[in-house]
């Protein structure tokens, strides 16, 4: 069995679109979806308003060090 590995970022909840695959009509394929737990959690954290506020505060606190050359 030939394996084709694709990595995608989900753009719309519940949908994955595959195209330009080396398959022909009536060919049977098996599709397995592996959800990357680390990337999923990281993406969810990036959207969390509390984490965004904390990161903004940290950035403001360390802004004075931006020009120290370290």
PDB file of N, CA and C in Angstrom:
ATOM      1  N   UNK A   1       0.847  -1.178   0.000  1.00  0.00           N
ATOM      2  CA  UNK A   1       0.000   0.000   0.000  1.00  0.00           C
ATOM      3  C   UNK A   1       0.892   1.241   0.000  1.00  0.00           C
ATOM      4  N   UNK A   2       0.643   2.142  -0.914  1.00  0.00           N
ATOM      5  CA  UNK A   2       1.383   3.404  -1.009  1.00  0.00           C
ATOM      6  C   UNK A   2       0.849   4.375   0.036  1.00  0.00           C
ATOM      7  N   UNK A   3       1.757   5.113   0.663  1.00  0.00           N
ATOM      8  CA  UNK A   3       1.360   6.106   1.660  1.00  0.00           C
ATOM      9  C   UNK A   3       1.667   7.497   1.154  1.00  0.00           C
ATOM     10  N   UNK A   4       0.706   8.380   1.275  1.00  0.00           N
ATOM     11  CA  UNK A   4       0.883   9.786   0.932  1.00  0.00           C
ATOM     12  C   UNK A   4       0.631  10.569   2.209  1.00  0.00           C
ATOM     13  N   UNK A   5       1.619  11.341   2.612  1.00  0.00           N
ATOM     14  CA  UNK A   5       1.481  12.100   3.858  1.00  0.00           C
ATOM     15  C   UNK A   5       1.285  13.572   3.520  1.00  0.00           C
ATOM     16  N   UNK A   6       0.191  14.132   3.997  1.00  0.00           N
ATOM     17  CA  UNK A   6      -0.112  15.544   3.808  1.00  0.00           C
ATOM     18  C   UNK A   6      -0.289  16.182   5.174  1.00  0.00           C
ATOM     19  N   UNK A   7       0.092  17.422   5.270  1.00  0.00           N
ATOM     20  CA  UNK A   7      -0.124  18.163   6.506  1.00  0.00           C
ATOM     21  C   UNK A   7      -0.905  19.417   6.150  1.00  0.00           C
ATOM     22  N   UNK A   8      -1.991  19.640   6.851  1.00  0.00           N
ATOM     23  CA  UNK A   8      -2.836  20.782   6.561  1.00  0.00           C
ATOM     24  C   UNK A   8      -3.249  21.474   7.842  1.00  0.00           C
ATOM     25  N   UNK A   9      -3.582  22.739   7.714  1.00  0.00           N
ATOM     26  CA  UNK A   9      -4.179  23.494   8.803  1.00  0.00           C
ATOM     27  C   UNK A   9      -5.658  23.648   8.478  1.00  0.00           C
ATOM     28  N   UNK A  10      -6.495  23.293   9.419  1.00  0.00           N
ATOM     29  CA  UNK A  10      -7.935  23.345   9.200  1.00  0.00           C
ATOM     30  C   UNK A  10      -8.379  24.802   9.098  1.00  0.00           C
ATOM     31  N   UNK A  11      -9.071  25.115   8.027  1.00  0.00           N
ATOM     32  CA  UNK A  11      -9.541  26.477   7.804  1.00  0.00           C
ATOM     33  C   UNK A  11     -11.000  26.650   8.197  1.00  0.00           C
ATOM     34  N   UNK A  12     -11.777  25.564   8.165  1.00  0.00           N
ATOM     35  CA  UNK A  12     -13.182  25.631   8.538  1.00  0.00           C
ATOM     36  C   UNK A  12     -13.490  24.410   9.387  1.00  0.00           C
ATOM     37  N   UNK A  13     -14.152  24.634  10.526  1.00  0.00           N
ATOM     38  CA  UNK A  13     -14.459  23.537  11.437  1.00  0.00           C
ATOM     39  C   UNK A  13     -15.098  22.362  10.701  1.00  0.00           C
ATOM     40  N   UNK A  14     -14.569  21.181  10.953  1.00  0.00           N
ATOM     41  CA  UNK A  14     -15.171  19.961  10.431  1.00  0.00           C
ATOM     42  C   UNK A  14     -14.881  19.655   8.975  1.00  0.00           C
ATOM     43  N   UNK A  15     -13.993  20.402   8.320  1.00  0.00           N
ATOM     44  CA  UNK A  15     -13.740  20.177   6.897  1.00  0.00           C
ATOM     45  C   UNK A  15     -12.250  20.012   6.603  1.00  0.00           C
ATOM     46  N   UNK A  16     -11.968  19.049   5.752  1.00  0.00           N
ATOM     47  CA  UNK A  16     -10.628  18.850   5.195  1.00  0.00           C
ATOM     48  C   UNK A  16     -10.815  18.660   3.696  1.00  0.00           C
ATOM     49  N   UNK A  17     -10.054  19.374   2.911  1.00  0.00           N
ATOM     50  CA  UNK A  17     -10.156  19.261   1.462  1.00  0.00           C
ATOM     51  C   UNK A  17      -8.841  18.709   0.910  1.00  0.00           C
ATOM     52  N   UNK A  18      -8.945  17.614   0.176  1.00  0.00           N
ATOM     53  CA  UNK A  18      -7.774  16.997  -0.449  1.00  0.00           C
ATOM     54  C   UNK A  18      -7.931  17.103  -1.959  1.00  0.00           C
ATOM     55  N   UNK A  19      -6.868  17.482  -2.630  1.00  0.00           N
ATOM     56  CA  UNK A  19      -6.939  17.566  -4.089  1.00  0.00           C
ATOM     57  C   UNK A  19      -5.565  17.279  -4.678  1.00  0.00           C
ATOM     58  N   UNK A  20      -5.532  17.068  -5.982  1.00  0.00           N
ATOM     59  CA  UNK A  20      -4.307  16.783  -6.726  1.00  0.00           C
ATOM     60  C   UNK A  20      -3.573  15.560  -6.200  1.00  0.00           C
ATOM     61  N   UNK A  21      -4.331  14.545  -5.803  1.00  0.00           N
ATOM     62  CA  UNK A  21      -3.738  13.296  -5.326  1.00  0.00           C
ATOM     63  C   UNK A  21      -3.538  12.347  -6.501  1.00  0.00           C
ATOM     64  N   UNK A  22      -2.533  11.488  -6.423  1.00  0.00           N
ATOM     65  CA  UNK A  22      -2.279  10.543  -7.523  1.00  0.00           C
ATOM     66  C   UNK A  22      -3.203   9.323  -7.442  1.00  0.00           C
ATOM     67  N   UNK A  23      -4.503   9.566  -7.549  1.00  0.00           N
ATOM     68  CA  UNK A  23      -5.496   8.492  -7.509  1.00  0.00           C
ATOM     69  C   UNK A  23      -6.423   8.634  -8.710  1.00  0.00           C
ATOM     70  N   UNK A  24      -7.065   7.530  -9.059  1.00  0.00           N
ATOM     71  CA  UNK A  24      -7.973   7.550 -10.205  1.00  0.00           C
ATOM     72  C   UNK A  24      -9.375   7.167  -9.766  1.00  0.00           C
ATOM     73  N   UNK A  25     -10.331   7.512 -10.592  1.00  0.00           N
ATOM     74  CA  UNK A  25     -11.738   7.223 -10.313  1.00  0.00           C
ATOM     75  C   UNK A  25     -11.914   5.729 -10.030  1.00  0.00           C
ATOM     76  N   UNK A  26     -12.737   5.427  -9.056  1.00  0.00           N
ATOM     77  CA  UNK A  26     -13.079   4.072  -8.616  1.00  0.00           C
ATOM     78  C   UNK A  26     -11.979   3.384  -7.810  1.00  0.00           C
ATOM     79  N   UNK A  27     -10.848   4.023  -7.661  1.00  0.00           N
ATOM     80  CA  UNK A  27      -9.777   3.451  -6.846  1.00  0.00           C
ATOM     81  C   UNK A  27     -10.175   3.588  -5.378  1.00  0.00           C
ATOM     82  N   UNK A  28     -10.027   2.522  -4.627  1.00  0.00           N
ATOM     83  CA  UNK A  28     -10.354   2.563  -3.212  1.00  0.00           C
ATOM     84  C   UNK A  28      -9.159   3.095  -2.425  1.00  0.00           C
ATOM     85  N   UNK A  29      -9.435   3.972  -1.482  1.00  0.00           N
ATOM     86  CA  UNK A  29      -8.391   4.533  -0.630  1.00  0.00           C
ATOM     87  C   UNK A  29      -8.860   4.466   0.825  1.00  0.00           C
ATOM     88  N   UNK A  30      -7.922   4.525   1.725  1.00  0.00           N
ATOM     89  CA  UNK A  30      -8.214   4.599   3.149  1.00  0.00           C
ATOM     90  C   UNK A  30      -7.679   5.930   3.643  1.00  0.00           C
ATOM     91  N   UNK A  31      -8.503   6.681   4.344  1.00  0.00           N
ATOM     92  CA  UNK A  31      -8.103   7.991   4.851  1.00  0.00           C
ATOM     93  C   UNK A  31      -8.063   7.915   6.376  1.00  0.00           C
ATOM     94  N   UNK A  32      -6.927   8.280   6.937  1.00  0.00           N
ATOM     95  CA  UNK A  32      -6.756   8.332   8.389  1.00  0.00           C
ATOM     96  C   UNK A  32      -6.378   9.760   8.747  1.00  0.00           C
ATOM     97  N   UNK A  33      -7.080  10.353   9.690  1.00  0.00           N
ATOM     98  CA  UNK A  33      -6.790  11.722  10.119  1.00  0.00           C
ATOM     99  C   UNK A  33      -6.149  11.663  11.494  1.00  0.00           C
ATOM    100  N   UNK A  34      -4.935  12.178  11.599  1.00  0.00           N
ATOM    101  CA  UNK A  34      -4.224  12.255  12.870  1.00  0.00           C
ATOM    102  C   UNK A  34      -4.194  13.712  13.300  1.00  0.00           C
ATOM    103  N   UNK A  35      -4.756  13.999  14.445  1.00  0.00           N
ATOM    104  CA  UNK A  35      -4.786  15.368  14.945  1.00  0.00           C
ATOM    105  C   UNK A  35      -3.563  15.582  15.815  1.00  0.00           C
ATOM    106  N   UNK A  36      -2.769  16.553  15.448  1.00  0.00           N
ATOM    107  CA  UNK A  36      -1.556  16.859  16.186  1.00  0.00           C
ATOM    108  C   UNK A  36      -1.929  17.552  17.492  1.00  0.00           C
ATOM    109  N   UNK A  37      -1.769  16.885  18.632  1.00  0.00           N
ATOM    110  CA  UNK A  37      -2.214  17.484  19.892  1.00  0.00           C
ATOM    111  C   UNK A  37      -1.454  18.755  20.261  1.00  0.00           C
ATOM    112  N   UNK A  38      -0.149  18.782  20.035  1.00  0.00           N
ATOM    113  CA  UNK A  38       0.630  19.963  20.403  1.00  0.00           C
ATOM    114  C   UNK A  38       0.210  21.162  19.575  1.00  0.00           C
ATOM    115  N   UNK A  39       0.124  20.998  18.274  1.00  0.00           N
ATOM    116  CA  UNK A  39      -0.254  22.119  17.406  1.00  0.00           C
ATOM    117  C   UNK A  39      -1.669  22.579  17.691  1.00  0.00           C
ATOM    118  N   UNK A  40      -2.554  21.630  17.978  1.00  0.00           N
ATOM    119  CA  UNK A  40      -3.943  21.977  18.281  1.00  0.00           C
ATOM    120  C   UNK A  40      -3.999  22.822  19.549  1.00  0.00           C
ATOM    121  N   UNK A  41      -3.293  22.378  20.584  1.00  0.00           N
ATOM    122  CA  UNK A  41      -3.291  23.116  21.842  1.00  0.00           C
ATOM    123  C   UNK A  41      -2.635  24.482  21.677  1.00  0.00           C
ATOM    124  N   UNK A  42      -1.566  24.538  20.915  1.00  0.00           N
ATOM    125  CA  UNK A  42      -0.874  25.804  20.696  1.00  0.00           C
ATOM    126  C   UNK A  42      -1.774  26.788  19.948  1.00  0.00           C
ATOM    127  N   UNK A  43      -2.479  26.301  18.943  1.00  0.00           N
ATOM    128  CA  UNK A  43      -3.393  27.162  18.183  1.00  0.00           C
ATOM    129  C   UNK A  43      -4.537  27.650  19.070  1.00  0.00           C
ATOM    130  N   UNK A  44      -5.046  26.774  19.939  1.00  0.00           N
ATOM    131  CA  UNK A  44      -6.119  27.174  20.833  1.00  0.00           C
ATOM    132  C   UNK A  44      -5.622  28.221  21.828  1.00  0.00           C
ATOM    133  N   UNK A  45      -4.401  28.045  22.312  1.00  0.00           N
ATOM    134  CA  UNK A  45      -3.830  29.011  23.246  1.00  0.00           C
ATOM    135  C   UNK A  45      -3.656  30.372  22.573  1.00  0.00           C
ATOM    136  N   UNK A  46      -3.261  30.371  21.327  1.00  0.00           N
ATOM    137  CA  UNK A  46      -3.033  31.628  20.608  1.00  0.00           C
ATOM    138  C   UNK A  46      -4.321  32.425  20.452  1.00  0.00           C
ATOM    139  N   UNK A  47      -5.455  31.744  20.461  1.00  0.00           N
ATOM    140  CA  UNK A  47      -6.747  32.412  20.315  1.00  0.00           C
ATOM    141  C   UNK A  47      -7.361  32.805  21.658  1.00  0.00           C
ATOM    142  N   UNK A  48      -6.778  32.353  22.754  1.00  0.00           N
ATOM    143  CA  UNK A  48      -7.329  32.609  24.093  1.00  0.00           C
ATOM    144  C   UNK A  48      -7.097  34.066  24.489  1.00  0.00           C
ATOM    145  N   UNK A  49      -8.163  34.832  24.771  1.00  0.00           N
ATOM    146  CA  UNK A  49      -8.017  36.248  25.126  1.00  0.00           C
ATOM    147  C   UNK A  49      -7.163  36.485  26.371  1.00  0.00           C
ATOM    148  N   UNK A  50      -7.246  35.600  27.352  1.00  0.00           N
ATOM    149  CA  UNK A  50      -6.440  35.761  28.564  1.00  0.00           C
ATOM    150  C   UNK A  50      -4.951  35.613  28.260  1.00  0.00           C
ATOM    151  N   UNK A  51      -4.617  34.659  27.424  1.00  0.00           N
ATOM    152  CA  UNK A  51      -3.214  34.460  27.057  1.00  0.00           C
ATOM    153  C   UNK A  51      -2.734  35.630  26.209  1.00  0.00           C
ATOM    154  N   UNK A  52      -3.569  36.116  25.302  1.00  0.00           N
ATOM    155  CA  UNK A  52      -3.198  37.278  24.492  1.00  0.00           C
ATOM    156  C   UNK A  52      -2.936  38.489  25.373  1.00  0.00           C
ATOM    157  N   UNK A  53      -3.765  38.699  26.396  1.00  0.00           N
ATOM    158  CA  UNK A  53      -3.575  39.829  27.309  1.00  0.00           C
ATOM    159  C   UNK A  53      -2.278  39.676  28.097  1.00  0.00           C
ATOM    160  N   UNK A  54      -1.996  38.472  28.552  1.00  0.00           N
ATOM    161  CA  UNK A  54      -0.765  38.212  29.306  1.00  0.00           C
ATOM    162  C   UNK A  54       0.462  38.450  28.435  1.00  0.00           C
ATOM    163  N   UNK A  55       0.422  37.976  27.203  1.00  0.00           N
ATOM    164  CA  UNK A  55       1.547  38.180  26.288  1.00  0.00           C
ATOM    165  C   UNK A  55       1.756  39.659  25.984  1.00  0.00           C
ATOM    166  N   UNK A  56       0.664  40.394  25.853  1.00  0.00           N
ATOM    167  CA  UNK A  56       0.751  41.828  25.611  1.00  0.00           C
ATOM    168  C   UNK A  56       1.400  42.532  26.797  1.00  0.00           C
ATOM    169  N   UNK A  57       1.020  42.131  27.994  1.00  0.00           N
ATOM    170  CA  UNK A  57       1.601  42.726  29.198  1.00  0.00           C
ATOM    171  C   UNK A  57       3.092  42.411  29.287  1.00  0.00           C
ATOM    172  N   UNK A  58       3.463  41.175  29.010  1.00  0.00           N
ATOM    173  CA  UNK A  58       4.887  40.790  29.035  1.00  0.00           C
ATOM    174  C   UNK A  58       5.670  41.595  28.007  1.00  0.00           C
ATOM    175  N   UNK A  59       5.095  41.742  26.820  1.00  0.00           N
ATOM    176  CA  UNK A  59       5.766  42.505  25.765  1.00  0.00           C
ATOM    177  C   UNK A  59       5.977  43.957  26.194  1.00  0.00           C
ATOM    178  N   UNK A  60       4.989  44.555  26.841  1.00  0.00           N
ATOM    179  CA  UNK A  60       5.125  45.935  27.316  1.00  0.00           C
ATOM    180  C   UNK A  60       6.195  46.054  28.396  1.00  0.00           C
ATOM    181  N   UNK A  61       6.232  45.075  29.293  1.00  0.00           N
ATOM    182  CA  UNK A  61       7.206  45.116  30.385  1.00  0.00           C
ATOM    183  C   UNK A  61       8.640  45.006  29.874  1.00  0.00           C
ATOM    184  N   UNK A  62       8.839  44.236  28.810  1.00  0.00           N
ATOM    185  CA  UNK A  62      10.188  44.008  28.300  1.00  0.00           C
ATOM    186  C   UNK A  62      10.538  44.905  27.110  1.00  0.00           C
ATOM    187  N   UNK A  63       9.655  45.808  26.749  1.00  0.00           N
ATOM    188  CA  UNK A  63       9.891  46.693  25.596  1.00  0.00           C
ATOM    189  C   UNK A  63      11.144  47.541  25.794  1.00  0.00           C
ATOM    190  N   UNK A  64      11.427  47.923  27.023  1.00  0.00           N
ATOM    191  CA  UNK A  64      12.607  48.767  27.278  1.00  0.00           C
ATOM    192  C   UNK A  64      13.913  48.026  27.005  1.00  0.00           C
ATOM    193  N   UNK A  65      13.866  46.704  26.975  1.00  0.00           N
ATOM    194  CA  UNK A  65      15.083  45.924  26.718  1.00  0.00           C
ATOM    195  C   UNK A  65      15.328  45.705  25.220  1.00  0.00           C
ATOM    196  N   UNK A  66      14.409  46.124  24.384  1.00  0.00           N
ATOM    197  CA  UNK A  66      14.550  45.906  22.940  1.00  0.00           C
ATOM    198  C   UNK A  66      15.796  46.566  22.362  1.00  0.00           C
ATOM    199  N   UNK A  67      16.260  47.614  22.981  1.00  0.00           N
ATOM    200  CA  UNK A  67      17.360  48.380  22.415  1.00  0.00           C
ATOM    201  C   UNK A  67      18.697  48.183  23.146  1.00  0.00           C
ATOM    202  N   UNK A  68      18.729  47.210  24.074  1.00  0.00           N
ATOM    203  CA  UNK A  68      19.962  47.041  24.842  1.00  0.00           C
ATOM    204  C   UNK A  68      21.003  46.161  24.139  1.00  0.00           C
ATOM    205  N   UNK A  69      20.623  45.572  23.002  1.00  0.00           N
ATOM    206  CA  UNK A  69      21.591  44.809  22.207  1.00  0.00           C
ATOM    207  C   UNK A  69      21.835  43.404  22.715  1.00  0.00           C
ATOM    208  N   UNK A  70      21.097  42.960  23.680  1.00  0.00           N
ATOM    209  CA  UNK A  70      21.285  41.604  24.213  1.00  0.00           C
ATOM    210  C   UNK A  70      20.276  40.650  23.632  1.00  0.00           C
TER     211      UNK A  70
END
